[in-house]
Amino acid sequence: MTADDSAEVGAIRVRGWRHAYRGMVPRAYLDGMDVAAEAERQRARLAAGDGSVVNLVAEAADGTLAGWAAYGPYRDGEVRTGDGELYALYLPPERIGQGVGRALMTEVSGRCAAAGLPRMFLWVLKENARARRFYEAAGFTPDGAEEPFEVGGVAVPEVRYVRALAG
């Protein structure tokens, strides 16, 4: 991902949230998400990053972005561990089921394994059955950890998934 991708990534994230989390997070929060503000947040994160977070984009044949993923060191509170973490994986709703998410997940997992990371973690909304099936198909399993994620003043439960990586 480059700074030039920020606008499309911002739109993918906002559309992805509105599609995936409908009925799971407050509607007012989803309706209030702003693509331009999200694009600026993405641009600022890239500019201020220390290189530990990697943002990947999948490009469609027509040159538009078909998906976005971000990963880096696993964060246990404020401490970074020796494991990897998938921070985000979003697609435009019309791209779901076309293999884009699987391709991004394969690339992220492969890069983490090539870096010698023993495991990869991710957090997913507990009620997000579609995403949970996707991650389970990619070899992730819930490890029993659960935490609330505050969205628009509402605590939404997340569950942690883990996958062992082959170096």
N, C-alpha and C. Protein backbone atom coordinates (compact mmCIF):
# COMPACT_ATOMS: atom_id res chain seq x y z
N MET A 1 0.84 -1.18 0.00
CA MET A 1 0.00 0.00 0.00
C MET A 1 0.89 1.24 0.00
N THR A 2 0.48 2.21 -0.77
CA THR A 2 1.16 3.50 -0.78
C THR A 2 0.17 4.58 -0.34
N ALA A 3 0.68 5.77 -0.10
CA ALA A 3 -0.20 6.88 0.28
C ALA A 3 -1.25 7.13 -0.79
N ASP A 4 -0.92 6.86 -2.05
CA ASP A 4 -1.88 7.05 -3.14
C ASP A 4 -3.08 6.10 -3.04
N ASP A 5 -2.92 5.00 -2.30
CA ASP A 5 -4.01 4.04 -2.12
C ASP A 5 -4.94 4.41 -0.97
N SER A 6 -4.59 5.43 -0.20
CA SER A 6 -5.33 5.75 1.03
C SER A 6 -6.81 6.00 0.82
N ALA A 7 -7.17 6.71 -0.24
CA ALA A 7 -8.59 7.00 -0.48
C ALA A 7 -9.37 5.71 -0.75
N GLU A 8 -8.82 4.84 -1.59
CA GLU A 8 -9.52 3.58 -1.88
C GLU A 8 -9.55 2.67 -0.66
N VAL A 9 -8.46 2.62 0.10
CA VAL A 9 -8.43 1.80 1.31
C VAL A 9 -9.44 2.34 2.32
N GLY A 10 -9.51 3.65 2.46
CA GLY A 10 -10.50 4.25 3.35
C GLY A 10 -11.91 3.85 2.96
N ALA A 11 -12.20 3.90 1.67
CA ALA A 11 -13.53 3.51 1.19
C ALA A 11 -13.79 2.03 1.43
N ILE A 12 -12.79 1.20 1.20
CA ILE A 12 -12.93 -0.25 1.44
C ILE A 12 -13.23 -0.51 2.91
N ARG A 13 -12.51 0.16 3.80
CA ARG A 13 -12.72 -0.05 5.23
C ARG A 13 -14.12 0.38 5.65
N VAL A 14 -14.55 1.55 5.23
CA VAL A 14 -15.88 2.04 5.61
C VAL A 14 -16.97 1.14 5.04
N ARG A 15 -16.88 0.80 3.76
CA ARG A 15 -17.88 -0.08 3.16
C ARG A 15 -17.84 -1.47 3.80
N GLY A 16 -16.62 -1.94 4.08
CA GLY A 16 -16.49 -3.24 4.73
C GLY A 16 -17.13 -3.27 6.10
N TRP A 17 -16.90 -2.24 6.90
CA TRP A 17 -17.52 -2.16 8.23
C TRP A 17 -19.04 -2.12 8.10
N ARG A 18 -19.54 -1.27 7.22
CA ARG A 18 -20.99 -1.13 7.08
C ARG A 18 -21.65 -2.43 6.64
N HIS A 19 -20.96 -3.19 5.81
CA HIS A 19 -21.50 -4.46 5.34
C HIS A 19 -21.35 -5.56 6.39
N ALA A 20 -20.14 -5.72 6.91
CA ALA A 20 -19.85 -6.86 7.79
C ALA A 20 -20.44 -6.70 9.19
N TYR A 21 -20.52 -5.49 9.68
CA TYR A 21 -20.90 -5.30 11.09
C TYR A 21 -22.31 -4.79 11.29
N ARG A 22 -23.09 -4.74 10.22
CA ARG A 22 -24.49 -4.33 10.33
C ARG A 22 -25.20 -5.25 11.32
N GLY A 23 -25.86 -4.66 12.29
CA GLY A 23 -26.57 -5.43 13.31
C GLY A 23 -25.69 -5.88 14.47
N MET A 24 -24.37 -5.65 14.36
CA MET A 24 -23.44 -6.05 15.43
C MET A 24 -22.89 -4.85 16.19
N VAL A 25 -22.78 -3.72 15.51
CA VAL A 25 -22.32 -2.49 16.15
C VAL A 25 -23.41 -1.44 15.93
N PRO A 26 -23.42 -0.40 16.74
CA PRO A 26 -24.49 0.60 16.60
C PRO A 26 -24.58 1.18 15.19
N ARG A 27 -25.79 1.22 14.68
CA ARG A 27 -26.02 1.75 13.34
C ARG A 27 -25.55 3.19 13.22
N ALA A 28 -25.75 3.98 14.27
CA ALA A 28 -25.33 5.39 14.24
C ALA A 28 -23.83 5.49 14.02
N TYR A 29 -23.07 4.57 14.60
CA TYR A 29 -21.62 4.58 14.40
C TYR A 29 -21.29 4.29 12.93
N LEU A 30 -21.91 3.25 12.38
CA LEU A 30 -21.66 2.88 10.98
C LEU A 30 -22.07 4.01 10.03
N ASP A 31 -23.23 4.59 10.28
CA ASP A 31 -23.71 5.68 9.44
C ASP A 31 -22.80 6.90 9.53
N GLY A 32 -22.17 7.09 10.68
CA GLY A 32 -21.31 8.25 10.88
C GLY A 32 -19.90 8.09 10.36
N MET A 33 -19.55 6.89 9.89
CA MET A 33 -18.20 6.69 9.36
C MET A 33 -18.03 7.53 8.10
N ASP A 34 -16.90 8.20 7.99
CA ASP A 34 -16.65 9.12 6.89
C ASP A 34 -15.47 8.62 6.06
N VAL A 35 -15.69 8.42 4.78
CA VAL A 35 -14.65 7.88 3.90
C VAL A 35 -13.45 8.82 3.83
N ALA A 36 -13.68 10.12 3.69
CA ALA A 36 -12.57 11.07 3.58
C ALA A 36 -11.74 11.08 4.87
N ALA A 37 -12.41 11.04 6.01
CA ALA A 37 -11.69 11.02 7.29
C ALA A 37 -10.89 9.72 7.43
N GLU A 38 -11.48 8.62 7.01
CA GLU A 38 -10.77 7.33 7.09
C GLU A 38 -9.58 7.33 6.15
N ALA A 39 -9.72 7.90 4.97
CA ALA A 39 -8.61 7.99 4.02
C ALA A 39 -7.47 8.80 4.63
N GLU A 40 -7.80 9.89 5.28
CA GLU A 40 -6.77 10.72 5.91
C GLU A 40 -6.09 9.97 7.06
N ARG A 41 -6.87 9.20 7.83
CA ARG A 41 -6.29 8.38 8.91
C ARG A 41 -5.30 7.36 8.34
N GLN A 42 -5.68 6.73 7.23
CA GLN A 42 -4.79 5.75 6.60
C GLN A 42 -3.51 6.42 6.11
N ARG A 43 -3.64 7.58 5.49
CA ARG A 43 -2.48 8.33 4.98
C ARG A 43 -1.56 8.71 6.15
N ALA A 44 -2.14 9.19 7.24
CA ALA A 44 -1.35 9.60 8.41
C ALA A 44 -0.65 8.41 9.05
N ARG A 45 -1.33 7.27 9.13
CA ARG A 45 -0.70 6.06 9.71
C ARG A 45 0.50 5.63 8.89
N LEU A 46 0.36 5.67 7.58
CA LEU A 46 1.49 5.31 6.71
C LEU A 46 2.67 6.25 6.93
N ALA A 47 2.38 7.54 6.99
CA ALA A 47 3.45 8.53 7.14
C ALA A 47 4.15 8.42 8.48
N ALA A 48 3.40 8.10 9.53
CA ALA A 48 3.96 8.05 10.88
C ALA A 48 4.47 6.67 11.27
N GLY A 49 4.23 5.67 10.44
CA GLY A 49 4.58 4.30 10.79
C GLY A 49 6.08 4.07 10.93
N ASP A 50 6.40 3.08 11.77
CA ASP A 50 7.80 2.73 11.99
C ASP A 50 8.21 1.50 11.17
N GLY A 51 7.33 1.07 10.28
CA GLY A 51 7.64 -0.09 9.43
C GLY A 51 7.20 -1.41 10.01
N SER A 52 6.74 -1.43 11.27
CA SER A 52 6.34 -2.69 11.88
C SER A 52 4.96 -3.15 11.40
N VAL A 53 4.12 -2.22 10.98
CA VAL A 53 2.81 -2.58 10.43
C VAL A 53 2.91 -2.56 8.92
N VAL A 54 2.49 -3.67 8.31
CA VAL A 54 2.54 -3.80 6.85
C VAL A 54 1.11 -3.74 6.32
N ASN A 55 0.88 -2.89 5.35
CA ASN A 55 -0.41 -2.78 4.68
C ASN A 55 -0.27 -3.33 3.27
N LEU A 56 -1.13 -4.26 2.93
CA LEU A 56 -1.12 -4.87 1.60
C LEU A 56 -2.44 -4.57 0.90
N VAL A 57 -2.38 -4.36 -0.39
CA VAL A 57 -3.60 -4.19 -1.17
C VAL A 57 -3.61 -5.24 -2.28
N ALA A 58 -4.81 -5.65 -2.63
CA ALA A 58 -5.02 -6.54 -3.77
C ALA A 58 -5.63 -5.68 -4.87
N GLU A 59 -5.05 -5.77 -6.05
CA GLU A 59 -5.51 -4.95 -7.17
C GLU A 59 -6.29 -5.82 -8.15
N ALA A 60 -7.44 -5.30 -8.58
CA ALA A 60 -8.25 -5.99 -9.59
C ALA A 60 -7.66 -5.74 -10.98
N ALA A 61 -8.12 -6.49 -11.95
CA ALA A 61 -7.62 -6.35 -13.32
C ALA A 61 -7.83 -4.95 -13.88
N ASP A 62 -8.87 -4.26 -13.42
CA ASP A 62 -9.15 -2.91 -13.92
C ASP A 62 -8.36 -1.83 -13.20
N GLY A 63 -7.47 -2.22 -12.28
CA GLY A 63 -6.63 -1.27 -11.57
C GLY A 63 -7.20 -0.75 -10.27
N THR A 64 -8.47 -1.06 -9.96
CA THR A 64 -9.04 -0.65 -8.69
C THR A 64 -8.60 -1.62 -7.60
N LEU A 65 -8.70 -1.18 -6.36
CA LEU A 65 -8.32 -2.05 -5.25
C LEU A 65 -9.46 -3.00 -4.93
N ALA A 66 -9.12 -4.27 -4.79
CA ALA A 66 -10.10 -5.32 -4.52
C ALA A 66 -10.08 -5.75 -3.06
N GLY A 67 -9.12 -5.26 -2.28
CA GLY A 67 -9.06 -5.63 -0.88
C GLY A 67 -7.84 -5.03 -0.21
N TRP A 68 -7.85 -5.07 1.12
CA TRP A 68 -6.77 -4.49 1.93
C TRP A 68 -6.59 -5.32 3.18
N ALA A 69 -5.35 -5.53 3.56
CA ALA A 69 -5.03 -6.23 4.80
C ALA A 69 -3.88 -5.49 5.48
N ALA A 70 -3.88 -5.55 6.81
CA ALA A 70 -2.79 -4.97 7.59
C ALA A 70 -2.38 -5.98 8.65
N TYR A 71 -1.06 -6.10 8.85
CA TYR A 71 -0.57 -7.04 9.85
C TYR A 71 0.73 -6.51 10.45
N GLY A 72 1.14 -7.14 11.54
CA GLY A 72 2.37 -6.78 12.20
C GLY A 72 2.56 -7.63 13.43
N PRO A 73 3.36 -7.14 14.38
CA PRO A 73 3.59 -7.90 15.60
C PRO A 73 2.32 -8.01 16.43
N TYR A 74 2.17 -9.15 17.10
CA TYR A 74 1.02 -9.32 18.00
C TYR A 74 1.16 -8.35 19.16
N ARG A 75 0.06 -7.69 19.49
CA ARG A 75 0.04 -6.73 20.58
C ARG A 75 -0.68 -7.35 21.76
N ASP A 76 0.05 -7.58 22.83
CA ASP A 76 -0.53 -8.06 24.08
C ASP A 76 -0.60 -6.84 24.99
N GLY A 77 -1.71 -6.12 24.91
CA GLY A 77 -1.77 -4.82 25.56
C GLY A 77 -0.87 -3.88 24.79
N GLU A 78 0.07 -3.27 25.48
CA GLU A 78 1.01 -2.36 24.82
C GLU A 78 2.32 -3.06 24.43
N VAL A 79 2.43 -4.35 24.76
CA VAL A 79 3.67 -5.10 24.51
C VAL A 79 3.55 -5.84 23.19
N ARG A 80 4.57 -5.72 22.36
CA ARG A 80 4.63 -6.49 21.12
C ARG A 80 5.37 -7.79 21.41
N THR A 81 4.80 -8.88 20.94
CA THR A 81 5.39 -10.20 21.21
C THR A 81 6.12 -10.70 19.96
N GLY A 82 6.61 -11.92 20.02
CA GLY A 82 7.31 -12.52 18.89
C GLY A 82 6.38 -13.22 17.91
N ASP A 83 5.07 -13.00 18.04
CA ASP A 83 4.09 -13.58 17.13
C ASP A 83 3.58 -12.51 16.18
N GLY A 84 2.85 -12.93 15.17
CA GLY A 84 2.24 -12.00 14.23
C GLY A 84 0.77 -11.80 14.54
N GLU A 85 0.21 -10.72 14.02
CA GLU A 85 -1.21 -10.45 14.19
C GLU A 85 -1.78 -9.86 12.90
N LEU A 86 -2.91 -10.39 12.48
CA LEU A 86 -3.66 -9.78 11.40
C LEU A 86 -4.52 -8.70 12.04
N TYR A 87 -4.26 -7.45 11.68
CA TYR A 87 -5.00 -6.33 12.26
C TYR A 87 -6.29 -6.05 11.50
N ALA A 88 -6.26 -6.23 10.21
CA ALA A 88 -7.42 -5.90 9.39
C ALA A 88 -7.38 -6.68 8.09
N LEU A 89 -8.56 -7.04 7.60
CA LEU A 89 -8.71 -7.63 6.28
C LEU A 89 -10.11 -7.25 5.82
N TYR A 90 -10.19 -6.36 4.85
CA TYR A 90 -11.48 -5.88 4.36
C TYR A 90 -11.51 -5.90 2.84
N LEU A 91 -12.72 -6.17 2.33
CA LEU A 91 -12.97 -6.18 0.89
C LEU A 91 -14.21 -5.35 0.61
N PRO A 92 -14.32 -4.80 -0.59
CA PRO A 92 -15.61 -4.24 -0.98
C PRO A 92 -16.63 -5.38 -0.97
N PRO A 93 -17.85 -5.14 -0.51
CA PRO A 93 -18.83 -6.24 -0.42
C PRO A 93 -19.00 -7.05 -1.71
N GLU A 94 -18.90 -6.40 -2.86
CA GLU A 94 -19.09 -7.12 -4.12
C GLU A 94 -17.92 -8.06 -4.45
N ARG A 95 -16.82 -7.95 -3.73
CA ARG A 95 -15.65 -8.83 -3.95
C ARG A 95 -15.66 -10.06 -3.05
N ILE A 96 -16.56 -10.11 -2.08
CA ILE A 96 -16.62 -11.26 -1.16
C ILE A 96 -16.96 -12.51 -1.96
N GLY A 97 -16.23 -13.58 -1.69
CA GLY A 97 -16.48 -14.86 -2.35
C GLY A 97 -15.73 -15.03 -3.67
N GLN A 98 -14.87 -14.07 -4.02
CA GLN A 98 -14.13 -14.15 -5.28
C GLN A 98 -12.68 -14.59 -5.10
N GLY A 99 -12.28 -14.91 -3.87
CA GLY A 99 -10.92 -15.37 -3.63
C GLY A 99 -9.94 -14.28 -3.22
N VAL A 100 -10.38 -13.03 -3.20
CA VAL A 100 -9.49 -11.93 -2.84
C VAL A 100 -9.07 -12.03 -1.37
N GLY A 101 -10.03 -12.27 -0.49
CA GLY A 101 -9.70 -12.41 0.92
C GLY A 101 -8.76 -13.57 1.17
N ARG A 102 -9.00 -14.67 0.51
CA ARG A 102 -8.14 -15.85 0.64
C ARG A 102 -6.73 -15.54 0.16
N ALA A 103 -6.62 -14.80 -0.95
CA ALA A 103 -5.30 -14.44 -1.48
C ALA A 103 -4.56 -13.52 -0.51
N LEU A 104 -5.25 -12.54 0.05
CA LEU A 104 -4.61 -11.66 1.04
C LEU A 104 -4.19 -12.44 2.28
N MET A 105 -5.06 -13.34 2.76
CA MET A 105 -4.73 -14.13 3.95
C MET A 105 -3.52 -15.03 3.68
N THR A 106 -3.47 -15.63 2.51
CA THR A 106 -2.34 -16.48 2.15
C THR A 106 -1.05 -15.68 2.12
N GLU A 107 -1.10 -14.48 1.57
CA GLU A 107 0.08 -13.62 1.49
C GLU A 107 0.55 -13.20 2.88
N VAL A 108 -0.38 -12.77 3.71
CA VAL A 108 -0.03 -12.35 5.07
C VAL A 108 0.56 -13.52 5.85
N SER A 109 -0.10 -14.67 5.82
CA SER A 109 0.39 -15.84 6.54
C SER A 109 1.77 -16.26 6.05
N GLY A 110 1.96 -16.24 4.74
CA GLY A 110 3.25 -16.60 4.16
C GLY A 110 4.36 -15.66 4.58
N ARG A 111 4.07 -14.38 4.60
CA ARG A 111 5.08 -13.40 5.03
C ARG A 111 5.42 -13.56 6.51
N CYS A 112 4.42 -13.81 7.33
CA CYS A 112 4.68 -14.02 8.76
C CYS A 112 5.51 -15.28 8.98
N ALA A 113 5.18 -16.35 8.26
CA ALA A 113 5.95 -17.60 8.37
C ALA A 113 7.38 -17.39 7.88
N ALA A 114 7.55 -16.69 6.76
CA ALA A 114 8.88 -16.44 6.22
C ALA A 114 9.73 -15.59 7.17
N ALA A 115 9.06 -14.77 7.98
CA ALA A 115 9.78 -13.95 8.96
C ALA A 115 10.13 -14.75 10.21
N GLY A 116 9.73 -16.03 10.24
CA GLY A 116 10.06 -16.89 11.37
C GLY A 116 9.12 -16.76 12.55
N LEU A 117 7.96 -16.14 12.35
CA LEU A 117 7.02 -16.00 13.46
C LEU A 117 6.34 -17.34 13.71
N PRO A 118 6.26 -17.78 14.96
CA PRO A 118 5.70 -19.10 15.24
C PRO A 118 4.18 -19.17 15.12
N ARG A 119 3.50 -18.05 15.41
CA ARG A 119 2.03 -18.06 15.38
C ARG A 119 1.52 -16.72 14.85
N MET A 120 0.27 -16.77 14.42
CA MET A 120 -0.41 -15.56 14.00
C MET A 120 -1.75 -15.51 14.72
N PHE A 121 -2.07 -14.33 15.26
CA PHE A 121 -3.32 -14.12 15.97
C PHE A 121 -4.19 -13.14 15.19
N LEU A 122 -5.47 -13.12 15.53
CA LEU A 122 -6.39 -12.10 15.05
C LEU A 122 -7.56 -12.04 16.02
N TRP A 123 -8.24 -10.91 16.01
CA TRP A 123 -9.45 -10.71 16.80
C TRP A 123 -10.61 -10.51 15.84
N VAL A 124 -11.75 -11.12 16.14
CA VAL A 124 -12.92 -11.02 15.28
C VAL A 124 -14.15 -10.85 16.17
N LEU A 125 -15.13 -10.07 15.69
CA LEU A 125 -16.35 -9.91 16.47
C LEU A 125 -16.99 -11.27 16.68
N LYS A 126 -17.38 -11.52 17.91
CA LYS A 126 -17.93 -12.82 18.28
C LYS A 126 -19.15 -13.18 17.42
N GLU A 127 -19.97 -12.20 17.09
CA GLU A 127 -21.19 -12.45 16.32
C GLU A 127 -20.95 -12.52 14.82
N ASN A 128 -19.74 -12.28 14.35
CA ASN A 128 -19.47 -12.24 12.92
C ASN A 128 -19.22 -13.66 12.40
N ALA A 129 -20.31 -14.38 12.22
CA ALA A 129 -20.22 -15.80 11.81
C ALA A 129 -19.53 -15.97 10.46
N ARG A 130 -19.78 -15.09 9.52
CA ARG A 130 -19.17 -15.22 8.19
C ARG A 130 -17.65 -15.11 8.29
N ALA A 131 -17.16 -14.10 8.99
CA ALA A 131 -15.71 -13.93 9.15
C ALA A 131 -15.11 -15.10 9.92
N ARG A 132 -15.80 -15.55 10.94
CA ARG A 132 -15.27 -16.67 11.73
C ARG A 132 -15.14 -17.92 10.86
N ARG A 133 -16.10 -18.17 10.00
CA ARG A 133 -15.99 -19.33 9.07
C ARG A 133 -14.81 -19.15 8.13
N PHE A 134 -14.62 -17.92 7.63
CA PHE A 134 -13.50 -17.64 6.74
C PHE A 134 -12.17 -17.92 7.45
N TYR A 135 -12.01 -17.42 8.67
CA TYR A 135 -10.75 -17.62 9.39
C TYR A 135 -10.55 -19.09 9.75
N GLU A 136 -11.61 -19.78 10.11
CA GLU A 136 -11.49 -21.21 10.41
C GLU A 136 -11.08 -22.00 9.17
N ALA A 137 -11.61 -21.62 8.01
CA ALA A 137 -11.21 -22.28 6.76
C ALA A 137 -9.75 -22.01 6.43
N ALA A 138 -9.21 -20.90 6.94
CA ALA A 138 -7.79 -20.55 6.72
C ALA A 138 -6.89 -21.17 7.79
N GLY A 139 -7.45 -22.02 8.65
CA GLY A 139 -6.63 -22.74 9.62
C GLY A 139 -6.56 -22.12 11.01
N PHE A 140 -7.31 -21.06 11.25
CA PHE A 140 -7.32 -20.43 12.57
C PHE A 140 -8.35 -21.11 13.46
N THR A 141 -8.07 -21.13 14.76
CA THR A 141 -9.01 -21.66 15.73
C THR A 141 -9.13 -20.69 16.90
N PRO A 142 -10.32 -20.61 17.50
CA PRO A 142 -10.46 -19.75 18.68
C PRO A 142 -9.66 -20.35 19.83
N ASP A 143 -8.99 -19.50 20.60
CA ASP A 143 -8.17 -20.02 21.70
C ASP A 143 -8.79 -19.76 23.07
N GLY A 144 -10.03 -19.28 23.10
CA GLY A 144 -10.73 -19.06 24.36
C GLY A 144 -10.65 -17.64 24.90
N ALA A 145 -9.76 -16.82 24.36
CA ALA A 145 -9.66 -15.44 24.82
C ALA A 145 -10.81 -14.62 24.24
N GLU A 146 -11.35 -13.76 25.07
CA GLU A 146 -12.47 -12.91 24.66
C GLU A 146 -12.32 -11.57 25.34
N GLU A 147 -12.57 -10.50 24.59
CA GLU A 147 -12.48 -9.15 25.15
C GLU A 147 -13.55 -8.28 24.53
N PRO A 148 -14.02 -7.28 25.27
CA PRO A 148 -14.95 -6.33 24.66
C PRO A 148 -14.18 -5.32 23.81
N PHE A 149 -14.79 -4.90 22.73
CA PHE A 149 -14.26 -3.89 21.83
C PHE A 149 -15.27 -2.77 21.84
N GLU A 150 -14.86 -1.57 22.23
CA GLU A 150 -15.80 -0.46 22.36
C GLU A 150 -16.01 0.21 21.00
N VAL A 151 -17.27 0.23 20.57
CA VAL A 151 -17.64 0.85 19.30
C VAL A 151 -18.84 1.76 19.56
N GLY A 152 -18.66 3.04 19.36
CA GLY A 152 -19.76 3.97 19.54
C GLY A 152 -20.39 3.92 20.92
N GLY A 153 -19.57 3.69 21.93
CA GLY A 153 -20.06 3.64 23.30
C GLY A 153 -20.66 2.31 23.72
N VAL A 154 -20.59 1.31 22.86
CA VAL A 154 -21.14 -0.01 23.15
C VAL A 154 -20.01 -1.03 23.16
N ALA A 155 -20.00 -1.88 24.18
CA ALA A 155 -19.00 -2.95 24.25
C ALA A 155 -19.47 -4.11 23.37
N VAL A 156 -18.67 -4.43 22.35
CA VAL A 156 -18.98 -5.51 21.42
C VAL A 156 -17.94 -6.61 21.66
N PRO A 157 -18.37 -7.83 21.98
CA PRO A 157 -17.39 -8.88 22.28
C PRO A 157 -16.62 -9.35 21.05
N GLU A 158 -15.32 -9.51 21.24
CA GLU A 158 -14.43 -10.08 20.23
C GLU A 158 -13.84 -11.37 20.79
N VAL A 159 -13.54 -12.29 19.90
CA VAL A 159 -12.85 -13.52 20.26
C VAL A 159 -11.52 -13.57 19.52
N ARG A 160 -10.53 -14.18 20.16
CA ARG A 160 -9.20 -14.27 19.55
C ARG A 160 -9.05 -15.63 18.88
N TYR A 161 -8.45 -15.60 17.70
CA TYR A 161 -8.12 -16.79 16.94
C TYR A 161 -6.61 -16.87 16.80
N VAL A 162 -6.10 -18.10 16.64
CA VAL A 162 -4.67 -18.31 16.50
C VAL A 162 -4.43 -19.39 15.46
N ARG A 163 -3.28 -19.30 14.81
CA ARG A 163 -2.85 -20.31 13.85
C ARG A 163 -1.35 -20.49 13.98
N ALA A 164 -0.91 -21.72 14.09
CA ALA A 164 0.52 -22.01 14.09
C ALA A 164 1.04 -21.82 12.66
N LEU A 165 2.24 -21.29 12.54
CA LEU A 165 2.84 -21.06 11.23
C LEU A 165 4.02 -21.99 11.05
N ALA A 166 4.21 -22.45 9.84
CA ALA A 166 5.38 -23.26 9.50
C ALA A 166 6.44 -22.32 8.98
N GLY A 167 7.64 -22.37 9.55
CA GLY A 167 8.71 -21.48 9.15
C GLY A 167 9.30 -21.85 7.82
